[in-house]
Amino acid sequence: MSGEAWVFLAAVIMSAVLLFTSVFFIIMFSDLECDYLNPIDLCNKLNQFVLPEMIAHAFMTTTFLISFQVIAFLLNAPLLAYNINKVVNRNHMFDATEIFRTLGQHKKESFFKLGFYLIFFFYALYRMILALVAED
């Protein structure tokens, strides 16, 4: 297997993990809306996944930059910049006192990330298959 195939295999796996975290976030926000969960429990559960999700995405994007996968890097760069901006401005964690006021915004962000990770999952899968076929 070539280096490109390994990079995109790792990207497929990482995208699948990030896809599942986005689904988890959406399910948790829906549980809060239906009053199955209180805001403190929601924030405690979700805050432990916020930074690992951002770090995983940053690692994946950096891997594309290091391996000279320009298109994959450029596809991931805007979300990486958005995540960095949230961390720098210190509004990346969920606050239990303001969660109901910002719930709509958090749900939109989660749905956007879900769509992005889904599209990128299939892009990475396509590029992995392309790299494997090109070897032969």
N, C-alpha and C. Protein backbone atom coordinates (compact mmCIF):
# COMPACT_ATOMS: atom_id res chain seq x y z
N MET A 1 0.84 -1.19 0.00
CA MET A 1 0.00 0.00 0.00
C MET A 1 0.88 1.24 0.00
N SER A 2 0.51 2.19 -0.81
CA SER A 2 1.28 3.43 -0.90
C SER A 2 0.98 4.35 0.28
N GLY A 3 1.82 5.37 0.41
CA GLY A 3 1.62 6.34 1.49
C GLY A 3 0.31 7.08 1.36
N GLU A 4 -0.07 7.39 0.12
CA GLU A 4 -1.34 8.09 -0.10
C GLU A 4 -2.52 7.24 0.35
N ALA A 5 -2.45 5.94 0.07
CA ALA A 5 -3.53 5.05 0.48
C ALA A 5 -3.63 4.98 2.00
N TRP A 6 -2.48 4.95 2.68
CA TRP A 6 -2.50 4.92 4.14
C TRP A 6 -3.07 6.20 4.72
N VAL A 7 -2.71 7.33 4.13
CA VAL A 7 -3.23 8.62 4.61
C VAL A 7 -4.74 8.66 4.49
N PHE A 8 -5.26 8.22 3.34
CA PHE A 8 -6.70 8.29 3.16
C PHE A 8 -7.43 7.18 3.91
N LEU A 9 -6.77 6.06 4.18
CA LEU A 9 -7.38 5.05 5.05
C LEU A 9 -7.57 5.62 6.45
N ALA A 10 -6.52 6.29 6.95
CA ALA A 10 -6.63 6.94 8.26
C ALA A 10 -7.70 8.02 8.24
N ALA A 11 -7.81 8.75 7.12
CA ALA A 11 -8.82 9.80 7.01
C ALA A 11 -10.23 9.21 7.00
N VAL A 12 -10.41 8.06 6.37
CA VAL A 12 -11.73 7.40 6.37
C VAL A 12 -12.11 7.01 7.79
N ILE A 13 -11.17 6.43 8.50
CA ILE A 13 -11.44 6.00 9.89
C ILE A 13 -11.72 7.21 10.77
N MET A 14 -10.88 8.25 10.64
CA MET A 14 -11.06 9.46 11.45
C MET A 14 -12.38 10.15 11.10
N SER A 15 -12.72 10.19 9.82
CA SER A 15 -13.99 10.81 9.42
C SER A 15 -15.18 10.03 9.99
N ALA A 16 -15.07 8.71 10.03
CA ALA A 16 -16.16 7.91 10.60
C ALA A 16 -16.32 8.20 12.09
N VAL A 17 -15.21 8.33 12.79
CA VAL A 17 -15.27 8.65 14.22
C VAL A 17 -15.87 10.04 14.43
N LEU A 18 -15.43 11.01 13.63
CA LEU A 18 -15.97 12.36 13.75
C LEU A 18 -17.44 12.41 13.35
N LEU A 19 -17.82 11.59 12.40
CA LEU A 19 -19.22 11.50 11.99
C LEU A 19 -20.08 10.99 13.15
N PHE A 20 -19.59 9.97 13.84
CA PHE A 20 -20.34 9.44 14.97
C PHE A 20 -20.41 10.44 16.13
N THR A 21 -19.36 11.23 16.33
CA THR A 21 -19.44 12.24 17.39
C THR A 21 -20.46 13.31 17.04
N SER A 22 -20.56 13.67 15.77
CA SER A 22 -21.57 14.66 15.37
C SER A 22 -22.98 14.12 15.58
N VAL A 23 -23.18 12.86 15.25
CA VAL A 23 -24.49 12.24 15.49
C VAL A 23 -24.79 12.21 16.98
N PHE A 24 -23.78 11.91 17.79
CA PHE A 24 -23.96 11.89 19.24
C PHE A 24 -24.36 13.27 19.76
N PHE A 25 -23.71 14.31 19.26
CA PHE A 25 -24.05 15.68 19.68
C PHE A 25 -25.50 16.00 19.31
N ILE A 26 -25.91 15.65 18.10
CA ILE A 26 -27.28 15.94 17.66
C ILE A 26 -28.29 15.19 18.52
N ILE A 27 -28.00 13.94 18.84
CA ILE A 27 -28.91 13.16 19.70
C ILE A 27 -29.00 13.78 21.08
N MET A 28 -27.87 14.23 21.61
CA MET A 28 -27.88 14.84 22.94
C MET A 28 -28.66 16.16 22.94
N PHE A 29 -28.50 16.97 21.90
CA PHE A 29 -29.27 18.22 21.81
C PHE A 29 -30.76 17.93 21.69
N SER A 30 -31.10 16.90 20.98
CA SER A 30 -32.51 16.54 20.85
C SER A 30 -33.07 16.03 22.19
N ASP A 31 -32.25 15.30 22.94
CA ASP A 31 -32.68 14.86 24.28
C ASP A 31 -32.90 16.04 25.20
N LEU A 32 -32.08 17.08 25.08
CA LEU A 32 -32.28 18.29 25.89
C LEU A 32 -33.59 18.98 25.50
N GLU A 33 -33.86 19.05 24.20
CA GLU A 33 -35.10 19.68 23.75
C GLU A 33 -36.33 18.93 24.24
N CYS A 34 -36.25 17.62 24.28
CA CYS A 34 -37.39 16.80 24.72
C CYS A 34 -37.44 16.67 26.23
N ASP A 35 -36.51 17.30 26.92
CA ASP A 35 -36.46 17.32 28.38
C ASP A 35 -36.13 15.96 28.99
N TYR A 36 -35.39 15.14 28.24
CA TYR A 36 -34.91 13.87 28.79
C TYR A 36 -33.61 14.06 29.56
N LEU A 37 -32.98 15.21 29.37
CA LEU A 37 -31.69 15.49 29.95
C LEU A 37 -31.70 16.91 30.49
N ASN A 38 -31.04 17.13 31.62
CA ASN A 38 -30.95 18.50 32.10
C ASN A 38 -29.69 19.17 31.54
N PRO A 39 -29.65 20.49 31.53
CA PRO A 39 -28.53 21.20 30.89
C PRO A 39 -27.16 20.89 31.49
N ILE A 40 -27.11 20.66 32.79
CA ILE A 40 -25.82 20.39 33.43
C ILE A 40 -25.27 19.05 32.96
N ASP A 41 -26.13 18.03 32.91
CA ASP A 41 -25.68 16.72 32.43
C ASP A 41 -25.26 16.78 30.97
N LEU A 42 -26.02 17.51 30.16
CA LEU A 42 -25.68 17.64 28.74
C LEU A 42 -24.30 18.27 28.58
N CYS A 43 -24.07 19.36 29.26
CA CYS A 43 -22.79 20.05 29.12
C CYS A 43 -21.64 19.20 29.65
N ASN A 44 -21.86 18.50 30.74
CA ASN A 44 -20.81 17.62 31.27
C ASN A 44 -20.48 16.51 30.28
N LYS A 45 -21.50 15.95 29.62
CA LYS A 45 -21.25 14.88 28.66
C LYS A 45 -20.60 15.38 27.39
N LEU A 46 -21.07 16.51 26.87
CA LEU A 46 -20.56 16.99 25.59
C LEU A 46 -19.20 17.67 25.70
N ASN A 47 -18.95 18.37 26.80
CA ASN A 47 -17.68 19.09 26.93
C ASN A 47 -16.47 18.18 26.92
N GLN A 48 -16.65 16.93 27.34
CA GLN A 48 -15.51 16.01 27.32
C GLN A 48 -15.16 15.56 25.91
N PHE A 49 -16.04 15.81 24.93
CA PHE A 49 -15.77 15.42 23.54
C PHE A 49 -15.40 16.60 22.64
N VAL A 50 -15.55 17.81 23.11
CA VAL A 50 -15.35 18.99 22.25
C VAL A 50 -13.89 19.10 21.81
N LEU A 51 -12.97 19.17 22.75
CA LEU A 51 -11.56 19.32 22.40
C LEU A 51 -11.00 18.11 21.67
N PRO A 52 -11.31 16.87 22.09
CA PRO A 52 -10.82 15.73 21.31
C PRO A 52 -11.30 15.73 19.86
N GLU A 53 -12.55 16.17 19.64
CA GLU A 53 -13.04 16.25 18.26
C GLU A 53 -12.24 17.28 17.47
N MET A 54 -11.99 18.43 18.07
CA MET A 54 -11.23 19.47 17.37
C MET A 54 -9.78 19.05 17.14
N ILE A 55 -9.19 18.38 18.11
CA ILE A 55 -7.81 17.91 17.97
C ILE A 55 -7.72 16.84 16.89
N ALA A 56 -8.68 15.94 16.84
CA ALA A 56 -8.68 14.90 15.81
C ALA A 56 -8.80 15.51 14.42
N HIS A 57 -9.67 16.49 14.28
CA HIS A 57 -9.82 17.15 12.98
C HIS A 57 -8.55 17.92 12.62
N ALA A 58 -7.93 18.59 13.58
CA ALA A 58 -6.69 19.33 13.33
C ALA A 58 -5.57 18.37 12.94
N PHE A 59 -5.50 17.22 13.59
CA PHE A 59 -4.48 16.23 13.25
C PHE A 59 -4.67 15.71 11.83
N MET A 60 -5.92 15.43 11.48
CA MET A 60 -6.21 14.95 10.14
C MET A 60 -5.84 16.01 9.09
N THR A 61 -6.19 17.25 9.34
CA THR A 61 -5.89 18.33 8.40
C THR A 61 -4.38 18.55 8.29
N THR A 62 -3.67 18.49 9.41
CA THR A 62 -2.22 18.64 9.39
C THR A 62 -1.56 17.49 8.64
N THR A 63 -2.10 16.30 8.77
CA THR A 63 -1.58 15.16 8.04
C THR A 63 -1.70 15.38 6.54
N PHE A 64 -2.81 15.96 6.11
CA PHE A 64 -2.97 16.26 4.69
C PHE A 64 -1.95 17.30 4.24
N LEU A 65 -1.68 18.27 5.07
CA LEU A 65 -0.71 19.30 4.72
C LEU A 65 0.69 18.70 4.61
N ILE A 66 1.05 17.86 5.56
CA ILE A 66 2.38 17.25 5.57
C ILE A 66 2.57 16.30 4.39
N SER A 67 1.51 15.58 4.03
CA SER A 67 1.61 14.61 2.93
C SER A 67 1.30 15.22 1.56
N PHE A 68 1.19 16.54 1.49
CA PHE A 68 0.98 17.27 0.24
C PHE A 68 -0.31 16.89 -0.47
N GLN A 69 -1.36 16.60 0.28
CA GLN A 69 -2.68 16.36 -0.29
C GLN A 69 -3.42 17.70 -0.26
N VAL A 70 -3.19 18.50 -1.27
CA VAL A 70 -3.63 19.89 -1.28
C VAL A 70 -5.15 20.01 -1.27
N ILE A 71 -5.83 19.24 -2.09
CA ILE A 71 -7.29 19.35 -2.17
C ILE A 71 -7.93 18.96 -0.85
N ALA A 72 -7.47 17.87 -0.27
CA ALA A 72 -8.02 17.43 1.01
C ALA A 72 -7.73 18.47 2.09
N PHE A 73 -6.54 19.05 2.06
CA PHE A 73 -6.21 20.09 3.04
C PHE A 73 -7.11 21.31 2.87
N LEU A 74 -7.30 21.74 1.62
CA LEU A 74 -8.13 22.92 1.38
C LEU A 74 -9.60 22.69 1.72
N LEU A 75 -10.06 21.45 1.59
CA LEU A 75 -11.43 21.14 1.99
C LEU A 75 -11.61 21.24 3.51
N ASN A 76 -10.57 20.86 4.25
CA ASN A 76 -10.65 20.83 5.71
C ASN A 76 -10.22 22.14 6.37
N ALA A 77 -9.51 22.99 5.65
CA ALA A 77 -8.97 24.21 6.24
C ALA A 77 -10.03 25.16 6.81
N PRO A 78 -11.17 25.39 6.12
CA PRO A 78 -12.15 26.31 6.71
C PRO A 78 -12.71 25.84 8.06
N LEU A 79 -13.01 24.55 8.18
CA LEU A 79 -13.51 24.03 9.46
C LEU A 79 -12.42 24.10 10.52
N LEU A 80 -11.19 23.84 10.13
CA LEU A 80 -10.08 23.96 11.08
C LEU A 80 -9.94 25.40 11.56
N ALA A 81 -10.04 26.36 10.64
CA ALA A 81 -9.96 27.77 11.02
C ALA A 81 -11.11 28.16 11.95
N TYR A 82 -12.31 27.64 11.67
CA TYR A 82 -13.47 27.91 12.53
C TYR A 82 -13.23 27.35 13.94
N ASN A 83 -12.72 26.12 14.01
CA ASN A 83 -12.45 25.51 15.31
C ASN A 83 -11.37 26.27 16.08
N ILE A 84 -10.32 26.69 15.38
CA ILE A 84 -9.26 27.46 16.03
C ILE A 84 -9.82 28.78 16.55
N ASN A 85 -10.66 29.43 15.75
CA ASN A 85 -11.28 30.69 16.18
C ASN A 85 -12.13 30.50 17.43
N LYS A 86 -12.86 29.39 17.50
CA LYS A 86 -13.67 29.13 18.70
C LYS A 86 -12.80 28.92 19.92
N VAL A 87 -11.69 28.22 19.77
CA VAL A 87 -10.80 27.97 20.91
C VAL A 87 -10.11 29.26 21.35
N VAL A 88 -9.66 30.05 20.39
CA VAL A 88 -8.97 31.30 20.73
C VAL A 88 -9.92 32.26 21.44
N ASN A 89 -11.16 32.32 21.00
CA ASN A 89 -12.15 33.20 21.64
C ASN A 89 -12.79 32.59 22.88
N ARG A 90 -12.38 31.39 23.24
CA ARG A 90 -12.84 30.68 24.43
C ARG A 90 -14.36 30.48 24.47
N ASN A 91 -14.96 30.17 23.32
CA ASN A 91 -16.38 29.82 23.32
C ASN A 91 -16.60 28.44 22.71
N HIS A 92 -15.64 27.55 22.93
CA HIS A 92 -15.75 26.20 22.38
C HIS A 92 -16.46 25.23 23.34
N MET A 93 -16.53 25.57 24.61
CA MET A 93 -17.21 24.70 25.58
C MET A 93 -18.67 25.12 25.73
N PHE A 94 -19.49 24.15 26.10
CA PHE A 94 -20.91 24.41 26.31
C PHE A 94 -21.13 24.89 27.74
N ASP A 95 -21.95 25.92 27.88
CA ASP A 95 -22.25 26.51 29.18
C ASP A 95 -23.68 26.15 29.56
N ALA A 96 -23.86 25.52 30.72
CA ALA A 96 -25.18 25.06 31.14
C ALA A 96 -26.15 26.22 31.39
N THR A 97 -25.63 27.38 31.72
CA THR A 97 -26.53 28.51 32.00
C THR A 97 -27.05 29.16 30.72
N GLU A 98 -26.36 28.95 29.60
CA GLU A 98 -26.76 29.59 28.35
C GLU A 98 -27.15 28.60 27.26
N ILE A 99 -27.24 27.33 27.59
CA ILE A 99 -27.44 26.32 26.55
C ILE A 99 -28.80 26.46 25.86
N PHE A 100 -29.84 26.83 26.60
CA PHE A 100 -31.16 26.96 25.97
C PHE A 100 -31.20 28.16 25.02
N ARG A 101 -30.47 29.21 25.37
CA ARG A 101 -30.45 30.39 24.52
C ARG A 101 -29.68 30.16 23.23
N THR A 102 -28.65 29.31 23.29
CA THR A 102 -27.79 29.07 22.13
C THR A 102 -28.02 27.70 21.51
N LEU A 103 -29.09 27.03 21.88
CA LEU A 103 -29.31 25.67 21.40
C LEU A 103 -29.48 25.61 19.88
N GLY A 104 -30.19 26.57 19.32
CA GLY A 104 -30.38 26.59 17.87
C GLY A 104 -29.07 26.70 17.12
N GLN A 105 -28.20 27.57 17.61
CA GLN A 105 -26.89 27.75 16.99
C GLN A 105 -26.05 26.47 17.10
N HIS A 106 -26.08 25.83 18.26
CA HIS A 106 -25.32 24.59 18.45
C HIS A 106 -25.84 23.48 17.56
N LYS A 107 -27.16 23.41 17.40
CA LYS A 107 -27.73 22.38 16.52
C LYS A 107 -27.34 22.62 15.07
N LYS A 108 -27.38 23.88 14.62
CA LYS A 108 -26.97 24.19 13.24
C LYS A 108 -25.52 23.82 13.02
N GLU A 109 -24.68 24.14 13.99
CA GLU A 109 -23.26 23.79 13.88
C GLU A 109 -23.07 22.28 13.81
N SER A 110 -23.81 21.55 14.63
CA SER A 110 -23.69 20.09 14.63
C SER A 110 -24.18 19.49 13.32
N PHE A 111 -25.27 20.01 12.78
CA PHE A 111 -25.76 19.51 11.50
C PHE A 111 -24.78 19.85 10.37
N PHE A 112 -24.18 21.03 10.42
CA PHE A 112 -23.19 21.39 9.42
C PHE A 112 -22.00 20.44 9.48
N LYS A 113 -21.50 20.19 10.70
CA LYS A 113 -20.37 19.28 10.85
C LYS A 113 -20.74 17.87 10.41
N LEU A 114 -21.96 17.45 10.71
CA LEU A 114 -22.41 16.13 10.27
C LEU A 114 -22.36 16.04 8.74
N GLY A 115 -22.89 17.05 8.05
CA GLY A 115 -22.86 17.06 6.59
C GLY A 115 -21.45 17.10 6.06
N PHE A 116 -20.60 17.93 6.67
CA PHE A 116 -19.22 18.04 6.22
C PHE A 116 -18.49 16.71 6.39
N TYR A 117 -18.60 16.10 7.56
CA TYR A 117 -17.90 14.84 7.80
C TYR A 117 -18.43 13.72 6.91
N LEU A 118 -19.71 13.74 6.62
CA LEU A 118 -20.29 12.73 5.73
C LEU A 118 -19.75 12.88 4.32
N ILE A 119 -19.75 14.10 3.81
CA ILE A 119 -19.21 14.33 2.46
C ILE A 119 -17.72 14.00 2.43
N PHE A 120 -16.99 14.43 3.45
CA PHE A 120 -15.55 14.16 3.44
C PHE A 120 -15.26 12.67 3.61
N PHE A 121 -16.10 11.95 4.33
CA PHE A 121 -15.92 10.50 4.46
C PHE A 121 -15.94 9.84 3.09
N PHE A 122 -16.91 10.20 2.27
CA PHE A 122 -16.99 9.59 0.95
C PHE A 122 -15.88 10.09 0.03
N TYR A 123 -15.45 11.33 0.18
CA TYR A 123 -14.31 11.83 -0.59
C TYR A 123 -13.05 11.04 -0.23
N ALA A 124 -12.79 10.87 1.06
CA ALA A 124 -11.61 10.13 1.50
C ALA A 124 -11.68 8.67 1.07
N LEU A 125 -12.87 8.09 1.12
CA LEU A 125 -13.05 6.71 0.66
C LEU A 125 -12.74 6.60 -0.83
N TYR A 126 -13.23 7.55 -1.61
CA TYR A 126 -12.96 7.58 -3.05
C TYR A 126 -11.47 7.71 -3.32
N ARG A 127 -10.81 8.64 -2.61
CA ARG A 127 -9.37 8.84 -2.83
C ARG A 127 -8.55 7.64 -2.38
N MET A 128 -9.00 6.95 -1.32
CA MET A 128 -8.30 5.75 -0.88
C MET A 128 -8.40 4.67 -1.95
N ILE A 129 -9.60 4.46 -2.48
CA ILE A 129 -9.79 3.45 -3.52
C ILE A 129 -8.99 3.83 -4.77
N LEU A 130 -9.00 5.11 -5.12
CA LEU A 130 -8.22 5.58 -6.26
C LEU A 130 -6.73 5.29 -6.08
N ALA A 131 -6.22 5.54 -4.88
CA ALA A 131 -4.80 5.28 -4.59
C ALA A 131 -4.49 3.79 -4.64
N LEU A 132 -5.42 2.97 -4.18
CA LEU A 132 -5.20 1.51 -4.21
C LEU A 132 -5.24 0.97 -5.62
N VAL A 133 -6.14 1.48 -6.44
CA VAL A 133 -6.25 1.03 -7.83
C VAL A 133 -5.04 1.50 -8.64
N ALA A 134 -4.54 2.70 -8.35
CA ALA A 134 -3.39 3.25 -9.07
C ALA A 134 -2.12 2.48 -8.79
N GLU A 135 -2.05 1.75 -7.69
CA GLU A 135 -0.87 0.96 -7.37
C GLU A 135 -0.66 -0.19 -8.34
N ASP A 136 -1.77 -0.77 -8.79
CA ASP A 136 -1.67 -1.96 -9.66
C ASP A 136 -1.29 -1.62 -11.03
